[in-house]
Amino acid sequence: MKNVLRAVIDTNVFLSALLGSESCGQLYEELKNNSFLPVTSKELMEEIEEVVKRKKFDLTAKEIDDMVTLIGKKSKNVILHTIIQICRDIEDNIFLDCAVAGRADYIVTGDKDLLALSSFRGIHIVTPSQFLVVLRQSR
């Protein structure tokens, strides 16, 4: 039996999936199909909920609830232990913390500050399109 890839998915990827991004939408479908194990934390779930509820995105309560519920059901929830301070944008460190705590293989993001790292402690930092390629190759 193959190991399932573990990935921390950045909030911007989930938001982009709801807003119509093709690659992010495909990644969201891969999540639904259990193609990988998302790793999250209480703090990341709170951020996802806060961001997708912003009025400027004009998402319905059902869209938001469906996404948050799905992520919660499918994810391995971890407790953050380390305080990593390496990103140019300090708010992005939470994704590194979560990936380390959850022994993730990947961080999937559209954030240039995270992508600039390319990897962290052996964890690959990739775009949604790059992660889709990895998923397809792992089948």
N, C-alpha and C. Protein backbone atom coordinates (compact mmCIF):
# COMPACT_ATOMS: atom_id res chain seq x y z
N MET A 1 0.84 -1.19 0.00
CA MET A 1 0.00 0.00 0.00
C MET A 1 0.88 1.25 0.00
N LYS A 2 0.54 2.19 -0.87
CA LYS A 2 1.33 3.40 -0.97
C LYS A 2 0.99 4.37 0.16
N ASN A 3 2.02 5.12 0.55
CA ASN A 3 1.77 6.17 1.54
C ASN A 3 0.99 7.30 0.90
N VAL A 4 0.03 7.81 1.61
CA VAL A 4 -0.73 8.95 1.13
C VAL A 4 0.08 10.21 1.40
N LEU A 5 0.16 11.06 0.39
CA LEU A 5 0.87 12.32 0.56
C LEU A 5 0.14 13.21 1.54
N ARG A 6 0.91 13.85 2.41
CA ARG A 6 0.36 14.80 3.37
C ARG A 6 0.68 16.20 2.87
N ALA A 7 -0.31 17.07 2.91
CA ALA A 7 -0.09 18.43 2.41
C ALA A 7 -0.84 19.46 3.24
N VAL A 8 -0.15 20.55 3.53
CA VAL A 8 -0.78 21.72 4.11
C VAL A 8 -1.21 22.59 2.93
N ILE A 9 -2.49 22.90 2.88
CA ILE A 9 -3.03 23.70 1.79
C ILE A 9 -3.27 25.12 2.31
N ASP A 10 -2.65 26.08 1.66
CA ASP A 10 -2.76 27.48 2.06
C ASP A 10 -4.20 27.95 1.86
N THR A 11 -4.60 28.85 2.71
CA THR A 11 -5.93 29.45 2.64
C THR A 11 -6.22 30.00 1.26
N ASN A 12 -5.22 30.62 0.62
CA ASN A 12 -5.45 31.22 -0.70
C ASN A 12 -5.83 30.19 -1.75
N VAL A 13 -5.41 28.95 -1.58
CA VAL A 13 -5.75 27.89 -2.52
C VAL A 13 -7.23 27.52 -2.36
N PHE A 14 -7.67 27.35 -1.13
CA PHE A 14 -9.09 27.04 -0.90
C PHE A 14 -9.98 28.17 -1.39
N LEU A 15 -9.60 29.39 -1.10
CA LEU A 15 -10.38 30.55 -1.54
C LEU A 15 -10.43 30.59 -3.07
N SER A 16 -9.30 30.40 -3.70
CA SER A 16 -9.25 30.43 -5.17
C SER A 16 -10.11 29.32 -5.78
N ALA A 17 -10.21 28.19 -5.11
CA ALA A 17 -11.07 27.11 -5.60
C ALA A 17 -12.52 27.58 -5.64
N LEU A 18 -12.96 28.27 -4.60
CA LEU A 18 -14.33 28.77 -4.56
C LEU A 18 -14.56 29.91 -5.55
N LEU A 19 -13.50 30.64 -5.86
CA LEU A 19 -13.63 31.79 -6.76
C LEU A 19 -13.41 31.42 -8.23
N GLY A 20 -13.17 30.14 -8.53
CA GLY A 20 -13.15 29.70 -9.90
C GLY A 20 -11.80 29.37 -10.52
N SER A 21 -10.73 29.36 -9.75
CA SER A 21 -9.44 28.97 -10.30
C SER A 21 -9.48 27.51 -10.74
N GLU A 22 -9.05 27.25 -11.97
CA GLU A 22 -9.12 25.90 -12.50
C GLU A 22 -8.23 24.93 -11.71
N SER A 23 -6.97 25.28 -11.51
CA SER A 23 -6.07 24.34 -10.83
C SER A 23 -6.48 24.17 -9.36
N CYS A 24 -6.89 25.24 -8.72
CA CYS A 24 -7.32 25.13 -7.31
C CYS A 24 -8.62 24.33 -7.21
N GLY A 25 -9.51 24.50 -8.19
CA GLY A 25 -10.73 23.72 -8.22
C GLY A 25 -10.44 22.23 -8.40
N GLN A 26 -9.47 21.92 -9.26
CA GLN A 26 -9.08 20.52 -9.45
C GLN A 26 -8.49 19.95 -8.17
N LEU A 27 -7.70 20.76 -7.48
CA LEU A 27 -7.11 20.31 -6.22
C LEU A 27 -8.20 20.05 -5.17
N TYR A 28 -9.21 20.91 -5.15
CA TYR A 28 -10.35 20.73 -4.24
C TYR A 28 -11.05 19.41 -4.55
N GLU A 29 -11.19 19.07 -5.82
CA GLU A 29 -11.79 17.79 -6.21
C GLU A 29 -10.91 16.62 -5.75
N GLU A 30 -9.60 16.78 -5.86
CA GLU A 30 -8.68 15.74 -5.38
C GLU A 30 -8.84 15.53 -3.87
N LEU A 31 -9.08 16.62 -3.14
CA LEU A 31 -9.35 16.53 -1.70
C LEU A 31 -10.61 15.70 -1.46
N LYS A 32 -11.65 16.00 -2.21
CA LYS A 32 -12.90 15.26 -2.07
C LYS A 32 -12.71 13.77 -2.35
N ASN A 33 -11.80 13.46 -3.29
CA ASN A 33 -11.55 12.07 -3.69
C ASN A 33 -10.48 11.37 -2.86
N ASN A 34 -10.07 12.00 -1.77
CA ASN A 34 -9.07 11.41 -0.86
C ASN A 34 -7.74 11.10 -1.54
N SER A 35 -7.34 11.94 -2.49
CA SER A 35 -6.08 11.74 -3.21
C SER A 35 -4.86 12.10 -2.38
N PHE A 36 -5.08 12.85 -1.31
CA PHE A 36 -4.01 13.23 -0.39
C PHE A 36 -4.63 13.50 0.96
N LEU A 37 -3.78 13.59 1.97
CA LEU A 37 -4.26 13.88 3.32
C LEU A 37 -3.91 15.33 3.65
N PRO A 38 -4.93 16.19 3.75
CA PRO A 38 -4.64 17.56 4.16
C PRO A 38 -4.29 17.61 5.64
N VAL A 39 -3.31 18.43 5.96
CA VAL A 39 -2.91 18.62 7.35
C VAL A 39 -3.31 20.03 7.73
N THR A 40 -3.97 20.15 8.85
CA THR A 40 -4.42 21.47 9.31
C THR A 40 -4.29 21.55 10.82
N SER A 41 -4.61 22.71 11.33
CA SER A 41 -4.59 22.94 12.78
C SER A 41 -5.78 23.82 13.12
N LYS A 42 -6.05 23.94 14.40
CA LYS A 42 -7.14 24.82 14.84
C LYS A 42 -6.91 26.23 14.30
N GLU A 43 -5.67 26.69 14.37
CA GLU A 43 -5.34 28.05 13.92
C GLU A 43 -5.57 28.22 12.42
N LEU A 44 -5.20 27.21 11.64
CA LEU A 44 -5.42 27.30 10.19
C LEU A 44 -6.90 27.25 9.86
N MET A 45 -7.65 26.42 10.54
CA MET A 45 -9.08 26.35 10.29
C MET A 45 -9.75 27.69 10.62
N GLU A 46 -9.31 28.31 11.70
CA GLU A 46 -9.85 29.63 12.05
C GLU A 46 -9.52 30.65 10.96
N GLU A 47 -8.30 30.59 10.42
CA GLU A 47 -7.93 31.53 9.36
C GLU A 47 -8.76 31.29 8.10
N ILE A 48 -8.93 30.03 7.73
CA ILE A 48 -9.72 29.73 6.53
C ILE A 48 -11.13 30.30 6.68
N GLU A 49 -11.76 30.03 7.82
CA GLU A 49 -13.11 30.54 8.04
C GLU A 49 -13.17 32.05 7.99
N GLU A 50 -12.21 32.69 8.63
CA GLU A 50 -12.20 34.16 8.68
C GLU A 50 -12.03 34.75 7.28
N VAL A 51 -11.12 34.20 6.50
CA VAL A 51 -10.83 34.75 5.18
C VAL A 51 -12.00 34.54 4.21
N VAL A 52 -12.52 33.32 4.14
CA VAL A 52 -13.58 33.07 3.15
C VAL A 52 -14.89 33.79 3.48
N LYS A 53 -15.05 34.23 4.73
CA LYS A 53 -16.26 34.96 5.11
C LYS A 53 -16.18 36.46 4.80
N ARG A 54 -15.02 36.93 4.35
CA ARG A 54 -14.90 38.35 4.04
C ARG A 54 -15.91 38.75 2.96
N LYS A 55 -16.58 39.86 3.20
CA LYS A 55 -17.65 40.31 2.30
C LYS A 55 -17.16 40.50 0.87
N LYS A 56 -15.92 40.93 0.69
CA LYS A 56 -15.44 41.23 -0.66
C LYS A 56 -15.43 40.01 -1.58
N PHE A 57 -15.45 38.80 -1.01
CA PHE A 57 -15.44 37.60 -1.83
C PHE A 57 -16.84 37.15 -2.22
N ASP A 58 -17.85 37.65 -1.52
CA ASP A 58 -19.25 37.42 -1.88
C ASP A 58 -19.58 35.94 -2.05
N LEU A 59 -19.12 35.12 -1.11
CA LEU A 59 -19.43 33.69 -1.13
C LEU A 59 -20.69 33.43 -0.31
N THR A 60 -21.44 32.43 -0.70
CA THR A 60 -22.66 32.11 0.04
C THR A 60 -22.30 31.37 1.34
N ALA A 61 -23.22 31.43 2.28
CA ALA A 61 -23.01 30.71 3.54
C ALA A 61 -22.87 29.21 3.28
N LYS A 62 -23.61 28.69 2.30
CA LYS A 62 -23.53 27.26 1.98
C LYS A 62 -22.15 26.91 1.41
N GLU A 63 -21.64 27.72 0.50
CA GLU A 63 -20.30 27.46 -0.06
C GLU A 63 -19.25 27.42 1.05
N ILE A 64 -19.34 28.39 1.94
CA ILE A 64 -18.37 28.47 3.05
C ILE A 64 -18.51 27.27 3.97
N ASP A 65 -19.75 26.97 4.37
CA ASP A 65 -19.99 25.87 5.30
C ASP A 65 -19.57 24.53 4.68
N ASP A 66 -19.91 24.33 3.41
CA ASP A 66 -19.54 23.07 2.74
C ASP A 66 -18.02 22.90 2.73
N MET A 67 -17.29 23.98 2.43
CA MET A 67 -15.84 23.88 2.36
C MET A 67 -15.23 23.62 3.73
N VAL A 68 -15.64 24.40 4.70
CA VAL A 68 -15.08 24.26 6.05
C VAL A 68 -15.38 22.87 6.61
N THR A 69 -16.58 22.39 6.39
CA THR A 69 -16.96 21.06 6.86
C THR A 69 -16.12 19.98 6.18
N LEU A 70 -15.97 20.09 4.87
CA LEU A 70 -15.18 19.11 4.12
C LEU A 70 -13.73 19.10 4.60
N ILE A 71 -13.14 20.26 4.72
CA ILE A 71 -11.74 20.33 5.17
C ILE A 71 -11.61 19.70 6.56
N GLY A 72 -12.55 20.04 7.44
CA GLY A 72 -12.52 19.48 8.78
C GLY A 72 -12.62 17.97 8.81
N LYS A 73 -13.47 17.41 7.96
CA LYS A 73 -13.67 15.95 7.93
C LYS A 73 -12.48 15.21 7.32
N LYS A 74 -11.88 15.81 6.31
CA LYS A 74 -10.84 15.12 5.54
C LYS A 74 -9.44 15.29 6.14
N SER A 75 -9.26 16.27 7.00
CA SER A 75 -7.91 16.65 7.44
C SER A 75 -7.43 15.91 8.67
N LYS A 76 -6.11 15.82 8.74
CA LYS A 76 -5.45 15.42 9.98
C LYS A 76 -5.20 16.73 10.72
N ASN A 77 -5.79 16.85 11.88
CA ASN A 77 -5.64 18.07 12.68
C ASN A 77 -4.46 17.90 13.63
N VAL A 78 -3.55 18.86 13.62
CA VAL A 78 -2.37 18.79 14.46
C VAL A 78 -2.33 19.96 15.43
N ILE A 79 -1.58 19.78 16.48
CA ILE A 79 -1.35 20.84 17.46
C ILE A 79 0.00 21.47 17.15
N LEU A 80 0.01 22.77 17.02
CA LEU A 80 1.25 23.47 16.70
C LEU A 80 2.12 23.58 17.95
N HIS A 81 3.38 23.17 17.81
CA HIS A 81 4.31 23.18 18.93
C HIS A 81 5.45 24.17 18.75
N THR A 82 5.88 24.32 17.51
CA THR A 82 7.06 25.14 17.26
C THR A 82 6.65 26.55 16.86
N ILE A 83 7.52 27.45 17.10
CA ILE A 83 7.31 28.82 16.65
C ILE A 83 8.40 29.11 15.63
N ILE A 84 8.03 28.93 14.38
CA ILE A 84 8.97 29.14 13.28
C ILE A 84 8.88 30.59 12.84
N GLN A 85 10.01 31.21 12.69
CA GLN A 85 10.06 32.62 12.28
C GLN A 85 11.04 32.77 11.11
N ILE A 86 10.65 32.26 9.96
CA ILE A 86 11.57 32.29 8.82
C ILE A 86 11.00 33.05 7.61
N CYS A 87 9.69 33.12 7.48
CA CYS A 87 9.07 33.77 6.31
C CYS A 87 9.22 35.28 6.35
N ARG A 88 9.30 35.85 5.15
CA ARG A 88 9.31 37.31 5.03
C ARG A 88 8.01 37.89 5.61
N ASP A 89 6.90 37.22 5.34
CA ASP A 89 5.60 37.62 5.88
C ASP A 89 5.35 36.74 7.11
N ILE A 90 5.44 37.34 8.29
CA ILE A 90 5.35 36.53 9.52
C ILE A 90 4.04 35.75 9.63
N GLU A 91 2.99 36.21 8.99
CA GLU A 91 1.72 35.50 9.04
C GLU A 91 1.77 34.16 8.30
N ASP A 92 2.76 33.99 7.44
CA ASP A 92 2.89 32.74 6.69
C ASP A 92 3.59 31.64 7.49
N ASN A 93 4.22 32.00 8.58
CA ASN A 93 4.93 31.00 9.38
C ASN A 93 4.01 29.90 9.90
N ILE A 94 2.74 30.20 10.05
CA ILE A 94 1.78 29.21 10.55
C ILE A 94 1.72 27.98 9.63
N PHE A 95 1.91 28.20 8.33
CA PHE A 95 1.86 27.08 7.39
C PHE A 95 3.09 26.18 7.57
N LEU A 96 4.22 26.80 7.83
CA LEU A 96 5.43 26.02 8.11
C LEU A 96 5.28 25.26 9.42
N ASP A 97 4.76 25.94 10.45
CA ASP A 97 4.52 25.28 11.74
C ASP A 97 3.64 24.05 11.57
N CYS A 98 2.55 24.23 10.83
CA CYS A 98 1.59 23.15 10.64
C CYS A 98 2.22 21.99 9.87
N ALA A 99 2.99 22.32 8.84
CA ALA A 99 3.62 21.27 8.03
C ALA A 99 4.62 20.46 8.85
N VAL A 100 5.38 21.13 9.69
CA VAL A 100 6.35 20.42 10.54
C VAL A 100 5.60 19.54 11.55
N ALA A 101 4.60 20.11 12.22
CA ALA A 101 3.85 19.36 13.23
C ALA A 101 3.15 18.14 12.63
N GLY A 102 2.66 18.28 11.40
CA GLY A 102 1.92 17.20 10.75
C GLY A 102 2.75 16.31 9.85
N ARG A 103 4.09 16.51 9.88
CA ARG A 103 4.98 15.73 9.04
C ARG A 103 4.52 15.72 7.59
N ALA A 104 4.17 16.90 7.10
CA ALA A 104 3.67 17.04 5.73
C ALA A 104 4.80 16.84 4.72
N ASP A 105 4.40 16.38 3.56
CA ASP A 105 5.33 16.24 2.44
C ASP A 105 5.38 17.53 1.62
N TYR A 106 4.25 18.25 1.61
CA TYR A 106 4.12 19.44 0.77
C TYR A 106 3.37 20.55 1.49
N ILE A 107 3.70 21.78 1.11
CA ILE A 107 2.86 22.94 1.38
C ILE A 107 2.44 23.43 0.00
N VAL A 108 1.14 23.58 -0.19
CA VAL A 108 0.60 24.00 -1.49
C VAL A 108 0.07 25.41 -1.33
N THR A 109 0.61 26.33 -2.14
CA THR A 109 0.30 27.74 -1.95
C THR A 109 0.46 28.53 -3.24
N GLY A 110 -0.17 29.68 -3.26
CA GLY A 110 0.07 30.65 -4.33
C GLY A 110 0.83 31.84 -3.79
N ASP A 111 1.23 31.77 -2.54
CA ASP A 111 1.89 32.88 -1.84
C ASP A 111 3.37 32.96 -2.23
N LYS A 112 3.75 34.08 -2.79
CA LYS A 112 5.13 34.25 -3.26
C LYS A 112 6.16 34.17 -2.13
N ASP A 113 5.80 34.62 -0.93
CA ASP A 113 6.73 34.57 0.19
C ASP A 113 7.04 33.12 0.57
N LEU A 114 6.04 32.27 0.56
CA LEU A 114 6.28 30.85 0.85
C LEU A 114 6.97 30.16 -0.32
N LEU A 115 6.52 30.44 -1.53
CA LEU A 115 7.12 29.81 -2.70
C LEU A 115 8.59 30.16 -2.84
N ALA A 116 8.98 31.34 -2.37
CA ALA A 116 10.39 31.76 -2.44
C ALA A 116 11.29 30.83 -1.66
N LEU A 117 10.75 30.14 -0.66
CA LEU A 117 11.54 29.20 0.13
C LEU A 117 11.81 27.91 -0.63
N SER A 118 10.91 27.51 -1.48
CA SER A 118 10.91 26.28 -2.29
C SER A 118 10.88 24.98 -1.47
N SER A 119 11.53 24.96 -0.32
CA SER A 119 11.38 23.83 0.60
C SER A 119 11.78 24.30 2.00
N PHE A 120 11.35 23.55 2.98
CA PHE A 120 11.65 23.86 4.37
C PHE A 120 11.69 22.56 5.13
N ARG A 121 12.84 22.25 5.72
CA ARG A 121 13.02 21.01 6.48
C ARG A 121 12.55 19.77 5.70
N GLY A 122 12.85 19.76 4.42
CA GLY A 122 12.49 18.62 3.58
C GLY A 122 11.06 18.64 3.07
N ILE A 123 10.31 19.67 3.38
CA ILE A 123 8.92 19.79 2.94
C ILE A 123 8.93 20.65 1.67
N HIS A 124 8.41 20.11 0.59
CA HIS A 124 8.37 20.84 -0.68
C HIS A 124 7.28 21.91 -0.63
N ILE A 125 7.59 23.08 -1.14
CA ILE A 125 6.62 24.17 -1.20
C ILE A 125 6.34 24.43 -2.68
N VAL A 126 5.09 24.15 -3.09
CA VAL A 126 4.73 24.15 -4.51
C VAL A 126 3.41 24.87 -4.76
N THR A 127 3.18 25.18 -6.04
CA THR A 127 1.91 25.78 -6.45
C THR A 127 0.86 24.67 -6.58
N PRO A 128 -0.41 25.05 -6.65
CA PRO A 128 -1.45 24.03 -6.87
C PRO A 128 -1.21 23.22 -8.15
N SER A 129 -0.81 23.87 -9.22
CA SER A 129 -0.55 23.15 -10.49
C SER A 129 0.57 22.14 -10.32
N GLN A 130 1.63 22.53 -9.63
CA GLN A 130 2.75 21.60 -9.40
C GLN A 130 2.30 20.42 -8.54
N PHE A 131 1.46 20.68 -7.54
CA PHE A 131 0.99 19.59 -6.67
C PHE A 131 0.08 18.64 -7.44
N LEU A 132 -0.73 19.16 -8.35
CA LEU A 132 -1.57 18.29 -9.17
C LEU A 132 -0.72 17.32 -9.99
N VAL A 133 0.39 17.80 -10.53
CA VAL A 133 1.32 16.93 -11.27
C VAL A 133 1.85 15.83 -10.36
N VAL A 134 2.26 16.21 -9.16
CA VAL A 134 2.78 15.24 -8.18
C VAL A 134 1.71 14.18 -7.88
N LEU A 135 0.48 14.61 -7.64
CA LEU A 135 -0.60 13.67 -7.34
C LEU A 135 -0.82 12.69 -8.50
N ARG A 136 -0.81 13.21 -9.70
CA ARG A 136 -1.05 12.34 -10.86
C ARG A 136 0.11 11.36 -11.05
N GLN A 137 1.31 11.79 -10.77
CA GLN A 137 2.47 10.90 -10.91
C GLN A 137 2.51 9.85 -9.81
N SER A 138 1.87 10.12 -8.68
CA SER A 138 1.93 9.19 -7.55
C SER A 138 0.88 8.07 -7.66
N ARG A 139 0.04 8.15 -8.66
CA ARG A 139 -1.02 7.13 -8.81
C ARG A 139 -0.50 5.87 -9.43
